[in-house]
Amino acid sequence: MSALPFSDAPLEAGVAWILVGGRLTPSPLLDALPRPDVVVAADGGARHAAALGVRVDAWVGDFDSSAGVHVDAPREVHPTAKDETDAELAVRVARARGAAELVFVGAFGGRFDHTLALALGALRLAGEGLRVTLTSGDEWGWPLLSGAALSVLLPQDATLSVLAVTTLRGLTLGGVRWPLASADIPLGSGWTVSNEVAQSPVTAALDEGQALVTALTGDLR
């Protein structure tokens, strides 16, 4: 089975890549992502376009982190004093263009506050019915909500964690070295950190709560 770093459920129409300002590490898993129908760059995230070999359809933000970045794309300029992050502005543009699946590229390795806001925002977007993936090529993340099982294809021995953003009830985890069946996990517990992929797909499901499933597939392990 090919190791693909996204859900193995049927793809929705309208895949958007949101280019954000964190780290980007080339990898076979990154190359295996479904090609986007639309690409929206959030400020300095536009610098990833060349490495990804994609054309930016819209470039949004306050452009305070775009020095030296040159991308041929329509700009939507916002003031620095605003109520949304550049990533949120990019999401708004992607959704207006019909995106039902969002892939945030460059999601990890930047400022902690931006990374955390992006992760929490991913949970909110998933609750609104969108499919969301966070990636930097060597690090990945997917929201896990109650009543919405997750199935992802990952290489064996990748490091996998379930980060409990709330108290979790009835967490079931399969395809890993240390599986779980209907486990209750406290908020922020380290119990579900640094598991290992044993076989693919990895499956996760919750009765109650919200979590972020993350995978390390590169040297960060």
N, C-alpha and C. Protein backbone atom coordinates (compact mmCIF):
# COMPACT_ATOMS: atom_id res chain seq x y z
N MET A 1 0.84 -1.19 0.00
CA MET A 1 0.00 0.00 0.00
C MET A 1 0.88 1.24 0.00
N SER A 2 0.58 2.17 -0.85
CA SER A 2 1.35 3.41 -0.89
C SER A 2 1.14 4.21 0.39
N ALA A 3 2.21 4.86 0.84
CA ALA A 3 2.12 5.69 2.03
C ALA A 3 1.71 7.10 1.64
N LEU A 4 0.46 7.45 1.85
CA LEU A 4 -0.06 8.75 1.48
C LEU A 4 -0.48 9.49 2.75
N PRO A 5 -0.04 10.75 2.92
CA PRO A 5 -0.24 11.43 4.19
C PRO A 5 -1.56 12.17 4.30
N PHE A 6 -2.65 11.53 3.88
CA PHE A 6 -3.94 12.18 4.00
C PHE A 6 -4.98 11.10 4.15
N SER A 7 -6.19 11.49 4.47
CA SER A 7 -7.26 10.53 4.68
C SER A 7 -7.45 9.66 3.45
N ASP A 8 -7.76 8.37 3.68
CA ASP A 8 -8.01 7.49 2.56
C ASP A 8 -9.49 7.44 2.19
N ALA A 9 -10.30 8.32 2.77
CA ALA A 9 -11.69 8.46 2.35
C ALA A 9 -11.74 9.18 1.01
N PRO A 10 -12.85 9.06 0.27
CA PRO A 10 -12.94 9.74 -1.02
C PRO A 10 -12.73 11.24 -0.88
N LEU A 11 -12.01 11.83 -1.82
CA LEU A 11 -11.71 13.25 -1.76
C LEU A 11 -12.93 14.08 -2.14
N GLU A 12 -13.08 15.20 -1.44
CA GLU A 12 -14.13 16.15 -1.79
C GLU A 12 -13.67 17.01 -2.97
N ALA A 13 -14.63 17.61 -3.65
CA ALA A 13 -14.30 18.58 -4.69
C ALA A 13 -13.77 19.83 -4.02
N GLY A 14 -12.84 20.49 -4.67
CA GLY A 14 -12.36 21.76 -4.18
C GLY A 14 -11.29 21.64 -3.12
N VAL A 15 -10.08 21.25 -3.51
CA VAL A 15 -8.95 21.16 -2.60
C VAL A 15 -8.16 22.46 -2.68
N ALA A 16 -7.98 23.11 -1.54
CA ALA A 16 -7.21 24.35 -1.49
C ALA A 16 -5.95 24.13 -0.67
N TRP A 17 -4.83 24.59 -1.18
CA TRP A 17 -3.61 24.67 -0.40
C TRP A 17 -3.49 26.08 0.13
N ILE A 18 -3.30 26.20 1.44
CA ILE A 18 -3.06 27.48 2.08
C ILE A 18 -1.59 27.52 2.46
N LEU A 19 -0.82 28.38 1.84
CA LEU A 19 0.61 28.46 2.11
C LEU A 19 0.83 29.42 3.27
N VAL A 20 1.38 28.89 4.37
CA VAL A 20 1.61 29.71 5.56
C VAL A 20 3.10 29.72 5.88
N GLY A 21 3.50 30.52 6.88
CA GLY A 21 4.89 30.92 6.99
C GLY A 21 5.83 30.06 7.79
N GLY A 22 5.46 28.83 8.13
CA GLY A 22 6.35 27.96 8.89
C GLY A 22 7.36 27.24 8.03
N ARG A 23 7.90 26.18 8.58
CA ARG A 23 8.94 25.38 7.92
C ARG A 23 8.34 24.55 6.78
N LEU A 24 9.14 24.31 5.75
CA LEU A 24 8.74 23.40 4.68
C LEU A 24 9.91 22.50 4.35
N THR A 25 9.72 21.19 4.49
CA THR A 25 10.75 20.20 4.22
C THR A 25 10.28 19.30 3.08
N PRO A 26 10.98 19.28 1.94
CA PRO A 26 10.57 18.39 0.85
C PRO A 26 10.56 16.94 1.31
N SER A 27 9.57 16.19 0.86
CA SER A 27 9.45 14.78 1.24
C SER A 27 8.56 14.05 0.24
N PRO A 28 8.71 12.72 0.14
CA PRO A 28 7.81 11.95 -0.72
C PRO A 28 6.35 12.09 -0.30
N LEU A 29 6.10 12.21 1.01
CA LEU A 29 4.73 12.36 1.47
C LEU A 29 4.12 13.68 1.00
N LEU A 30 4.94 14.72 1.00
CA LEU A 30 4.47 16.00 0.49
C LEU A 30 4.16 15.90 -1.00
N ASP A 31 5.01 15.20 -1.73
CA ASP A 31 4.79 15.01 -3.17
C ASP A 31 3.51 14.23 -3.45
N ALA A 32 3.07 13.40 -2.47
CA ALA A 32 1.90 12.55 -2.68
C ALA A 32 0.58 13.25 -2.40
N LEU A 33 0.63 14.48 -1.93
CA LEU A 33 -0.61 15.21 -1.67
C LEU A 33 -1.42 15.39 -2.96
N PRO A 34 -2.75 15.38 -2.85
CA PRO A 34 -3.56 15.67 -4.04
C PRO A 34 -3.28 17.10 -4.51
N ARG A 35 -3.17 17.28 -5.81
CA ARG A 35 -2.88 18.61 -6.35
C ARG A 35 -4.05 19.54 -6.08
N PRO A 36 -3.77 20.80 -5.82
CA PRO A 36 -4.82 21.73 -5.42
C PRO A 36 -5.63 22.25 -6.59
N ASP A 37 -6.89 22.58 -6.29
CA ASP A 37 -7.71 23.31 -7.25
C ASP A 37 -7.48 24.80 -7.13
N VAL A 38 -7.07 25.24 -5.95
CA VAL A 38 -6.78 26.65 -5.73
C VAL A 38 -5.65 26.75 -4.71
N VAL A 39 -4.76 27.72 -4.89
CA VAL A 39 -3.65 27.97 -3.97
C VAL A 39 -3.76 29.41 -3.47
N VAL A 40 -3.82 29.56 -2.15
CA VAL A 40 -3.88 30.89 -1.54
C VAL A 40 -2.68 31.03 -0.61
N ALA A 41 -1.88 32.05 -0.81
CA ALA A 41 -0.71 32.31 0.03
C ALA A 41 -1.07 33.33 1.10
N ALA A 42 -0.69 33.01 2.35
CA ALA A 42 -0.87 33.93 3.46
C ALA A 42 0.46 34.63 3.72
N ASP A 43 0.57 35.87 3.28
CA ASP A 43 1.75 36.71 3.50
C ASP A 43 3.03 35.95 3.13
N GLY A 44 3.97 35.78 4.08
CA GLY A 44 5.27 35.18 3.78
C GLY A 44 5.20 33.73 3.35
N GLY A 45 4.05 33.07 3.52
CA GLY A 45 3.91 31.69 3.05
C GLY A 45 4.07 31.57 1.55
N ALA A 46 3.97 32.69 0.84
CA ALA A 46 4.12 32.66 -0.62
C ALA A 46 5.50 32.17 -1.04
N ARG A 47 6.48 32.25 -0.14
CA ARG A 47 7.84 31.80 -0.51
C ARG A 47 7.90 30.31 -0.78
N HIS A 48 6.88 29.55 -0.34
CA HIS A 48 6.88 28.10 -0.56
C HIS A 48 6.41 27.71 -1.96
N ALA A 49 5.83 28.64 -2.69
CA ALA A 49 5.22 28.29 -3.98
C ALA A 49 6.22 27.69 -4.95
N ALA A 50 7.40 28.27 -5.03
CA ALA A 50 8.40 27.78 -5.99
C ALA A 50 8.82 26.36 -5.66
N ALA A 51 9.08 26.07 -4.37
CA ALA A 51 9.51 24.73 -3.98
C ALA A 51 8.41 23.70 -4.23
N LEU A 52 7.17 24.12 -4.11
CA LEU A 52 6.05 23.21 -4.32
C LEU A 52 5.67 23.08 -5.79
N GLY A 53 6.17 23.98 -6.60
CA GLY A 53 5.85 23.95 -8.03
C GLY A 53 4.40 24.28 -8.32
N VAL A 54 3.84 25.24 -7.57
CA VAL A 54 2.44 25.61 -7.77
C VAL A 54 2.35 27.10 -8.10
N ARG A 55 1.27 27.44 -8.75
CA ARG A 55 0.96 28.84 -9.07
C ARG A 55 0.02 29.36 -8.00
N VAL A 56 0.32 30.52 -7.45
CA VAL A 56 -0.52 31.14 -6.43
C VAL A 56 -1.68 31.88 -7.10
N ASP A 57 -2.90 31.54 -6.68
CA ASP A 57 -4.09 32.17 -7.25
C ASP A 57 -4.46 33.46 -6.53
N ALA A 58 -4.13 33.56 -5.24
CA ALA A 58 -4.41 34.77 -4.47
C ALA A 58 -3.38 34.87 -3.35
N TRP A 59 -2.96 36.09 -3.08
CA TRP A 59 -1.94 36.36 -2.07
C TRP A 59 -2.52 37.39 -1.11
N VAL A 60 -2.71 37.01 0.16
CA VAL A 60 -3.42 37.87 1.10
C VAL A 60 -2.58 38.12 2.34
N GLY A 61 -2.91 39.20 3.06
CA GLY A 61 -2.25 39.49 4.32
C GLY A 61 -1.90 40.96 4.46
N ASP A 62 -1.15 41.25 5.52
CA ASP A 62 -0.68 42.62 5.71
C ASP A 62 0.73 42.82 5.14
N PHE A 63 1.32 41.76 4.65
CA PHE A 63 2.60 41.79 3.93
C PHE A 63 3.74 42.36 4.79
N ASP A 64 3.70 42.00 6.09
CA ASP A 64 4.79 42.40 6.97
C ASP A 64 5.90 41.35 7.03
N SER A 65 5.69 40.21 6.40
CA SER A 65 6.72 39.15 6.42
C SER A 65 7.03 38.66 5.02
N SER A 66 6.84 39.50 4.03
CA SER A 66 7.03 39.10 2.63
C SER A 66 8.23 39.76 1.97
N ALA A 67 9.10 40.36 2.76
CA ALA A 67 10.26 41.03 2.17
C ALA A 67 11.10 40.03 1.38
N GLY A 68 11.42 40.37 0.14
CA GLY A 68 12.23 39.51 -0.71
C GLY A 68 11.47 38.40 -1.39
N VAL A 69 10.16 38.29 -1.14
CA VAL A 69 9.34 37.26 -1.77
C VAL A 69 8.68 37.85 -3.01
N HIS A 70 8.85 37.19 -4.13
CA HIS A 70 8.29 37.68 -5.40
C HIS A 70 7.40 36.60 -6.00
N VAL A 71 6.11 36.86 -6.04
CA VAL A 71 5.14 35.92 -6.58
C VAL A 71 4.21 36.70 -7.50
N ASP A 72 3.97 36.15 -8.68
CA ASP A 72 3.06 36.77 -9.63
C ASP A 72 1.64 36.31 -9.32
N ALA A 73 0.96 37.06 -8.46
CA ALA A 73 -0.39 36.70 -8.05
C ALA A 73 -1.14 37.95 -7.62
N PRO A 74 -2.46 37.96 -7.79
CA PRO A 74 -3.26 39.09 -7.31
C PRO A 74 -3.12 39.22 -5.79
N ARG A 75 -2.95 40.45 -5.32
CA ARG A 75 -2.78 40.71 -3.89
C ARG A 75 -4.09 41.24 -3.28
N GLU A 76 -4.34 40.78 -2.05
CA GLU A 76 -5.41 41.34 -1.22
C GLU A 76 -4.74 41.86 0.04
N VAL A 77 -4.57 43.17 0.12
CA VAL A 77 -3.77 43.78 1.18
C VAL A 77 -4.68 44.21 2.33
N HIS A 78 -4.28 43.84 3.55
CA HIS A 78 -5.03 44.19 4.75
C HIS A 78 -4.13 44.97 5.70
N PRO A 79 -4.70 45.78 6.58
CA PRO A 79 -3.88 46.51 7.55
C PRO A 79 -3.27 45.58 8.58
N THR A 80 -2.16 46.00 9.15
CA THR A 80 -1.52 45.21 10.20
C THR A 80 -2.43 45.09 11.41
N ALA A 81 -3.11 46.17 11.77
CA ALA A 81 -4.07 46.16 12.88
C ALA A 81 -5.39 45.59 12.38
N LYS A 82 -5.57 44.28 12.55
CA LYS A 82 -6.78 43.61 12.06
C LYS A 82 -7.19 42.53 13.05
N ASP A 83 -8.38 41.99 12.85
CA ASP A 83 -8.94 41.02 13.79
C ASP A 83 -8.75 39.57 13.37
N GLU A 84 -8.07 39.31 12.27
CA GLU A 84 -7.84 37.95 11.77
C GLU A 84 -6.36 37.79 11.44
N THR A 85 -5.87 36.58 11.58
CA THR A 85 -4.51 36.29 11.12
C THR A 85 -4.51 36.21 9.60
N ASP A 86 -3.32 36.28 9.02
CA ASP A 86 -3.22 36.15 7.57
C ASP A 86 -3.75 34.79 7.10
N ALA A 87 -3.50 33.75 7.91
CA ALA A 87 -4.00 32.42 7.55
C ALA A 87 -5.53 32.40 7.52
N GLU A 88 -6.16 33.07 8.47
CA GLU A 88 -7.63 33.11 8.48
C GLU A 88 -8.16 33.86 7.26
N LEU A 89 -7.48 34.93 6.88
CA LEU A 89 -7.87 35.65 5.67
C LEU A 89 -7.76 34.75 4.45
N ALA A 90 -6.69 33.94 4.40
CA ALA A 90 -6.51 33.03 3.28
C ALA A 90 -7.60 31.96 3.24
N VAL A 91 -8.00 31.48 4.41
CA VAL A 91 -9.08 30.50 4.47
C VAL A 91 -10.37 31.10 3.93
N ARG A 92 -10.64 32.34 4.29
CA ARG A 92 -11.85 32.99 3.80
C ARG A 92 -11.87 33.03 2.27
N VAL A 93 -10.72 33.35 1.67
CA VAL A 93 -10.63 33.40 0.21
C VAL A 93 -10.83 32.01 -0.38
N ALA A 94 -10.19 31.00 0.21
CA ALA A 94 -10.31 29.63 -0.31
C ALA A 94 -11.75 29.14 -0.24
N ARG A 95 -12.42 29.43 0.86
CA ARG A 95 -13.81 28.98 0.99
C ARG A 95 -14.72 29.71 0.01
N ALA A 96 -14.45 30.97 -0.23
CA ALA A 96 -15.25 31.71 -1.19
C ALA A 96 -15.10 31.14 -2.59
N ARG A 97 -13.98 30.47 -2.84
CA ARG A 97 -13.75 29.85 -4.15
C ARG A 97 -14.18 28.38 -4.19
N GLY A 98 -14.91 27.93 -3.17
CA GLY A 98 -15.51 26.62 -3.20
C GLY A 98 -14.71 25.51 -2.57
N ALA A 99 -13.68 25.83 -1.81
CA ALA A 99 -12.85 24.77 -1.21
C ALA A 99 -13.62 24.03 -0.12
N ALA A 100 -13.58 22.71 -0.19
CA ALA A 100 -14.16 21.85 0.84
C ALA A 100 -13.07 21.12 1.62
N GLU A 101 -11.85 21.17 1.13
CA GLU A 101 -10.71 20.54 1.81
C GLU A 101 -9.55 21.54 1.82
N LEU A 102 -8.98 21.74 3.00
CA LEU A 102 -7.89 22.71 3.18
C LEU A 102 -6.63 21.99 3.61
N VAL A 103 -5.53 22.27 2.92
CA VAL A 103 -4.22 21.74 3.29
C VAL A 103 -3.33 22.93 3.61
N PHE A 104 -2.98 23.08 4.89
CA PHE A 104 -2.10 24.18 5.30
C PHE A 104 -0.66 23.71 5.15
N VAL A 105 0.06 24.30 4.21
CA VAL A 105 1.44 23.90 3.92
C VAL A 105 2.39 24.93 4.52
N GLY A 106 3.35 24.43 5.33
CA GLY A 106 4.21 25.31 6.10
C GLY A 106 3.63 25.56 7.48
N ALA A 107 2.86 24.59 7.99
CA ALA A 107 2.08 24.78 9.21
C ALA A 107 2.91 24.73 10.49
N PHE A 108 4.05 24.05 10.48
CA PHE A 108 4.83 23.84 11.70
C PHE A 108 6.18 24.55 11.61
N GLY A 109 6.74 24.84 12.77
CA GLY A 109 8.10 25.37 12.81
C GLY A 109 8.20 26.88 12.79
N GLY A 110 7.07 27.57 12.79
CA GLY A 110 7.10 29.02 12.86
C GLY A 110 6.87 29.49 14.29
N ARG A 111 6.32 30.67 14.45
CA ARG A 111 6.00 31.19 15.77
C ARG A 111 5.01 30.29 16.48
N PHE A 112 5.24 30.04 17.79
CA PHE A 112 4.37 29.13 18.53
C PHE A 112 2.93 29.62 18.56
N ASP A 113 2.72 30.93 18.77
CA ASP A 113 1.35 31.42 18.85
C ASP A 113 0.61 31.23 17.54
N HIS A 114 1.30 31.43 16.42
CA HIS A 114 0.65 31.21 15.12
C HIS A 114 0.38 29.73 14.89
N THR A 115 1.34 28.87 15.27
CA THR A 115 1.15 27.43 15.09
C THR A 115 -0.03 26.93 15.91
N LEU A 116 -0.10 27.36 17.17
CA LEU A 116 -1.20 26.92 18.02
C LEU A 116 -2.54 27.45 17.52
N ALA A 117 -2.57 28.71 17.12
CA ALA A 117 -3.81 29.28 16.58
C ALA A 117 -4.25 28.52 15.33
N LEU A 118 -3.29 28.12 14.52
CA LEU A 118 -3.60 27.37 13.30
C LEU A 118 -4.19 26.00 13.65
N ALA A 119 -3.59 25.34 14.65
CA ALA A 119 -4.08 24.02 15.06
C ALA A 119 -5.48 24.10 15.65
N LEU A 120 -5.71 25.10 16.51
CA LEU A 120 -7.04 25.25 17.09
C LEU A 120 -8.05 25.66 16.03
N GLY A 121 -7.62 26.50 15.10
CA GLY A 121 -8.50 26.87 14.00
C GLY A 121 -8.86 25.69 13.12
N ALA A 122 -7.91 24.76 12.97
CA ALA A 122 -8.19 23.55 12.18
C ALA A 122 -9.32 22.74 12.81
N LEU A 123 -9.33 22.67 14.15
CA LEU A 123 -10.41 21.96 14.83
C LEU A 123 -11.75 22.65 14.59
N ARG A 124 -11.75 23.98 14.63
CA ARG A 124 -12.99 24.71 14.37
C ARG A 124 -13.47 24.47 12.94
N LEU A 125 -12.56 24.54 11.99
CA LEU A 125 -12.94 24.34 10.59
C LEU A 125 -13.46 22.93 10.35
N ALA A 126 -12.83 21.94 10.99
CA ALA A 126 -13.32 20.57 10.87
C ALA A 126 -14.73 20.45 11.43
N GLY A 127 -15.00 21.18 12.52
CA GLY A 127 -16.34 21.17 13.09
C GLY A 127 -17.37 21.80 12.17
N GLU A 128 -16.90 22.64 11.25
CA GLU A 128 -17.79 23.26 10.27
C GLU A 128 -17.94 22.42 9.00
N GLY A 129 -17.33 21.23 9.02
CA GLY A 129 -17.54 20.29 7.92
C GLY A 129 -16.44 20.24 6.88
N LEU A 130 -15.34 20.98 7.07
CA LEU A 130 -14.23 20.94 6.12
C LEU A 130 -13.25 19.85 6.51
N ARG A 131 -12.57 19.29 5.51
CA ARG A 131 -11.46 18.37 5.77
C ARG A 131 -10.18 19.19 5.83
N VAL A 132 -9.38 18.97 6.87
CA VAL A 132 -8.22 19.82 7.11
C VAL A 132 -6.98 18.98 7.35
N THR A 133 -5.89 19.35 6.71
CA THR A 133 -4.58 18.75 6.94
C THR A 133 -3.59 19.87 7.21
N LEU A 134 -2.72 19.65 8.19
CA LEU A 134 -1.61 20.56 8.48
C LEU A 134 -0.32 19.84 8.14
N THR A 135 0.60 20.51 7.45
CA THR A 135 1.85 19.83 7.11
C THR A 135 3.01 20.80 6.94
N SER A 136 4.20 20.31 7.26
CA SER A 136 5.45 20.97 6.87
C SER A 136 6.33 20.01 6.08
N GLY A 137 5.75 18.92 5.60
CA GLY A 137 6.48 17.93 4.81
C GLY A 137 7.00 16.79 5.65
N ASP A 138 7.59 17.11 6.81
CA ASP A 138 8.10 16.09 7.71
C ASP A 138 7.25 15.98 8.98
N GLU A 139 6.27 16.84 9.12
CA GLU A 139 5.39 16.85 10.28
C GLU A 139 3.97 17.12 9.78
N TRP A 140 3.01 16.40 10.37
CA TRP A 140 1.63 16.42 9.86
C TRP A 140 0.65 16.51 11.01
N GLY A 141 -0.55 17.00 10.73
CA GLY A 141 -1.59 17.06 11.74
C GLY A 141 -2.97 17.00 11.12
N TRP A 142 -3.90 16.37 11.86
CA TRP A 142 -5.30 16.26 11.43
C TRP A 142 -6.20 16.43 12.63
N PRO A 143 -7.28 17.20 12.52
CA PRO A 143 -8.25 17.29 13.61
C PRO A 143 -8.97 15.96 13.80
N LEU A 144 -9.27 15.65 15.06
CA LEU A 144 -10.08 14.48 15.41
C LEU A 144 -11.22 14.94 16.30
N LEU A 145 -12.44 14.79 15.80
CA LEU A 145 -13.63 15.21 16.53
C LEU A 145 -14.49 14.00 16.86
N SER A 146 -15.32 14.15 17.88
CA SER A 146 -16.22 13.06 18.25
C SER A 146 -17.19 12.78 17.11
N GLY A 147 -17.42 11.50 16.87
CA GLY A 147 -18.36 11.09 15.83
C GLY A 147 -17.83 11.19 14.42
N ALA A 148 -16.56 11.54 14.26
CA ALA A 148 -15.97 11.65 12.91
C ALA A 148 -14.64 10.90 12.90
N ALA A 149 -14.69 9.62 12.59
CA ALA A 149 -13.49 8.77 12.62
C ALA A 149 -12.47 9.25 11.59
N LEU A 150 -11.21 9.06 11.93
CA LEU A 150 -10.09 9.47 11.07
C LEU A 150 -9.34 8.23 10.61
N SER A 151 -8.95 8.22 9.34
CA SER A 151 -8.13 7.14 8.80
C SER A 151 -7.06 7.76 7.91
N VAL A 152 -5.78 7.54 8.25
CA VAL A 152 -4.69 8.13 7.47
C VAL A 152 -3.66 7.06 7.14
N LEU A 153 -3.09 7.19 5.98
CA LEU A 153 -2.07 6.28 5.49
C LEU A 153 -0.70 6.88 5.77
N LEU A 154 0.11 6.16 6.54
CA LEU A 154 1.41 6.67 6.96
C LEU A 154 2.46 5.57 6.87
N PRO A 155 3.73 5.94 6.69
CA PRO A 155 4.79 4.92 6.66
C PRO A 155 4.97 4.27 8.02
N GLN A 156 5.35 3.00 8.00
CA GLN A 156 5.59 2.28 9.25
C GLN A 156 6.73 2.95 10.02
N ASP A 157 6.58 2.96 11.34
CA ASP A 157 7.56 3.52 12.29
C ASP A 157 7.50 5.04 12.37
N ALA A 158 6.60 5.70 11.67
CA ALA A 158 6.40 7.13 11.91
C ALA A 158 5.94 7.32 13.35
N THR A 159 6.31 8.43 13.94
CA THR A 159 5.90 8.73 15.31
C THR A 159 4.54 9.42 15.27
N LEU A 160 3.59 8.89 16.03
CA LEU A 160 2.23 9.39 16.00
C LEU A 160 1.76 9.77 17.40
N SER A 161 1.14 10.91 17.52
CA SER A 161 0.61 11.37 18.80
C SER A 161 -0.84 11.80 18.64
N VAL A 162 -1.59 11.65 19.73
CA VAL A 162 -2.94 12.21 19.81
C VAL A 162 -2.91 13.24 20.93
N LEU A 163 -3.03 14.51 20.56
CA LEU A 163 -2.95 15.60 21.53
C LEU A 163 -4.35 15.96 21.98
N ALA A 164 -4.63 15.73 23.25
CA ALA A 164 -5.96 15.96 23.80
C ALA A 164 -6.17 17.45 24.05
N VAL A 165 -6.93 18.09 23.19
CA VAL A 165 -7.22 19.52 23.32
C VAL A 165 -8.32 19.75 24.35
N THR A 166 -9.15 18.72 24.55
CA THR A 166 -10.13 18.68 25.63
C THR A 166 -9.95 17.33 26.32
N THR A 167 -10.65 17.10 27.41
CA THR A 167 -10.73 15.74 27.94
C THR A 167 -11.39 14.85 26.90
N LEU A 168 -10.79 13.68 26.66
CA LEU A 168 -11.30 12.77 25.63
C LEU A 168 -12.01 11.60 26.30
N ARG A 169 -13.13 11.21 25.74
CA ARG A 169 -13.89 10.04 26.20
C ARG A 169 -13.98 9.04 25.05
N GLY A 170 -13.61 7.80 25.34
CA GLY A 170 -13.78 6.73 24.36
C GLY A 170 -12.87 6.84 23.16
N LEU A 171 -11.58 7.13 23.40
CA LEU A 171 -10.61 7.18 22.29
C LEU A 171 -10.23 5.76 21.89
N THR A 172 -10.42 5.46 20.61
CA THR A 172 -10.00 4.18 20.04
C THR A 172 -8.96 4.46 18.97
N LEU A 173 -7.83 3.78 19.06
CA LEU A 173 -6.70 4.05 18.18
C LEU A 173 -6.15 2.73 17.67
N GLY A 174 -6.05 2.57 16.35
CA GLY A 174 -5.58 1.33 15.75
C GLY A 174 -4.47 1.58 14.74
N GLY A 175 -3.74 0.52 14.39
CA GLY A 175 -2.64 0.62 13.44
C GLY A 175 -1.36 1.12 14.05
N VAL A 176 -1.28 1.13 15.40
CA VAL A 176 -0.12 1.65 16.11
C VAL A 176 0.44 0.59 17.05
N ARG A 177 1.66 0.83 17.52
CA ARG A 177 2.32 -0.14 18.41
C ARG A 177 1.55 -0.32 19.71
N TRP A 178 0.98 0.78 20.21
CA TRP A 178 0.21 0.72 21.45
C TRP A 178 -1.22 1.17 21.18
N PRO A 179 -2.09 0.25 20.72
CA PRO A 179 -3.46 0.62 20.39
C PRO A 179 -4.28 0.91 21.65
N LEU A 180 -5.38 1.59 21.46
CA LEU A 180 -6.29 1.91 22.55
C LEU A 180 -7.71 1.53 22.16
N ALA A 181 -8.52 1.17 23.15
CA ALA A 181 -9.92 0.85 22.91
C ALA A 181 -10.76 1.56 23.96
N SER A 182 -11.53 2.55 23.52
CA SER A 182 -12.45 3.29 24.39
C SER A 182 -11.76 3.85 25.63
N ALA A 183 -10.61 4.47 25.44
CA ALA A 183 -9.84 5.03 26.56
C ALA A 183 -10.28 6.46 26.83
N ASP A 184 -10.24 6.84 28.12
CA ASP A 184 -10.50 8.22 28.52
C ASP A 184 -9.17 8.90 28.78
N ILE A 185 -8.95 10.04 28.14
CA ILE A 185 -7.66 10.72 28.18
C ILE A 185 -7.85 12.13 28.75
N PRO A 186 -7.12 12.49 29.81
CA PRO A 186 -7.26 13.84 30.35
C PRO A 186 -6.72 14.90 29.39
N LEU A 187 -7.23 16.10 29.52
CA LEU A 187 -6.74 17.24 28.76
C LEU A 187 -5.23 17.37 28.91
N GLY A 188 -4.52 17.44 27.77
CA GLY A 188 -3.07 17.65 27.79
C GLY A 188 -2.25 16.48 28.24
N SER A 189 -2.83 15.29 28.33
CA SER A 189 -2.11 14.11 28.82
C SER A 189 -0.98 13.71 27.87
N GLY A 190 0.13 13.23 28.44
CA GLY A 190 1.22 12.69 27.66
C GLY A 190 1.06 11.21 27.33
N TRP A 191 -0.01 10.59 27.82
CA TRP A 191 -0.24 9.16 27.60
C TRP A 191 -0.27 8.82 26.11
N THR A 192 -0.83 9.71 25.31
CA THR A 192 -1.01 9.41 23.88
C THR A 192 0.00 10.13 23.00
N VAL A 193 1.14 10.50 23.59
CA VAL A 193 2.21 11.15 22.84
C VAL A 193 3.29 10.13 22.49
N SER A 194 3.85 10.22 21.28
CA SER A 194 4.98 9.39 20.82
C SER A 194 4.65 7.91 20.73
N ASN A 195 3.52 7.60 20.09
CA ASN A 195 3.22 6.23 19.69
C ASN A 195 3.97 5.97 18.38
N GLU A 196 3.85 4.76 17.84
CA GLU A 196 4.53 4.41 16.60
C GLU A 196 3.56 3.73 15.64
N VAL A 197 3.66 4.08 14.37
CA VAL A 197 2.82 3.45 13.36
C VAL A 197 3.31 2.02 13.14
N ALA A 198 2.40 1.07 13.29
CA ALA A 198 2.73 -0.34 13.09
C ALA A 198 2.23 -0.86 11.75
N GLN A 199 1.11 -0.35 11.30
CA GLN A 199 0.56 -0.73 10.01
C GLN A 199 -0.38 0.38 9.55
N SER A 200 -0.62 0.40 8.25
CA SER A 200 -1.44 1.45 7.68
C SER A 200 -2.72 0.84 7.11
N PRO A 201 -3.85 1.54 7.25
CA PRO A 201 -4.00 2.89 7.78
C PRO A 201 -4.02 2.92 9.30
N VAL A 202 -3.69 4.07 9.85
CA VAL A 202 -3.91 4.35 11.26
C VAL A 202 -5.34 4.87 11.39
N THR A 203 -6.07 4.35 12.37
CA THR A 203 -7.46 4.78 12.56
C THR A 203 -7.62 5.35 13.96
N ALA A 204 -8.47 6.35 14.08
CA ALA A 204 -8.74 6.97 15.37
C ALA A 204 -10.20 7.39 15.41
N ALA A 205 -10.82 7.24 16.59
CA ALA A 205 -12.21 7.64 16.76
C ALA A 205 -12.42 8.06 18.20
N LEU A 206 -13.38 8.96 18.41
CA LEU A 206 -13.69 9.51 19.73
C LEU A 206 -15.19 9.45 19.98
N ASP A 207 -15.55 9.19 21.24
CA ASP A 207 -16.95 9.33 21.64
C ASP A 207 -17.25 10.78 22.01
N GLU A 208 -16.31 11.42 22.73
CA GLU A 208 -16.50 12.81 23.13
C GLU A 208 -15.14 13.51 23.16
N GLY A 209 -15.15 14.79 22.75
CA GLY A 209 -13.94 15.59 22.87
C GLY A 209 -13.38 16.02 21.53
N GLN A 210 -12.23 16.69 21.61
CA GLN A 210 -11.51 17.16 20.43
C GLN A 210 -10.02 16.92 20.63
N ALA A 211 -9.36 16.49 19.55
CA ALA A 211 -7.93 16.21 19.62
C ALA A 211 -7.28 16.54 18.29
N LEU A 212 -5.97 16.63 18.31
CA LEU A 212 -5.19 16.77 17.08
C LEU A 212 -4.29 15.55 16.97
N VAL A 213 -4.43 14.82 15.88
CA VAL A 213 -3.55 13.69 15.60
C VAL A 213 -2.35 14.22 14.80
N THR A 214 -1.13 13.96 15.30
CA THR A 214 0.06 14.44 14.63
C THR A 214 0.98 13.28 14.28
N ALA A 215 1.78 13.47 13.24
CA ALA A 215 2.73 12.44 12.82
C ALA A 215 4.04 13.11 12.47
N LEU A 216 5.12 12.50 12.92
CA LEU A 216 6.49 12.92 12.54
C LEU A 216 7.06 11.84 11.64
N THR A 217 7.43 12.23 10.44
CA THR A 217 7.91 11.25 9.47
C THR A 217 9.35 11.51 9.03
N GLY A 218 9.97 12.57 9.55
CA GLY A 218 11.32 12.93 9.13
C GLY A 218 12.31 12.91 10.26
N ASP A 219 13.35 13.72 10.14
CA ASP A 219 14.45 13.71 11.11
C ASP A 219 14.03 14.22 12.48
N LEU A 220 12.88 14.89 12.57
CA LEU A 220 12.44 15.42 13.87
C LEU A 220 12.17 14.31 14.87
N ARG A 221 11.98 13.07 14.41
CA ARG A 221 11.75 11.97 15.33
C ARG A 221 12.94 11.71 16.22
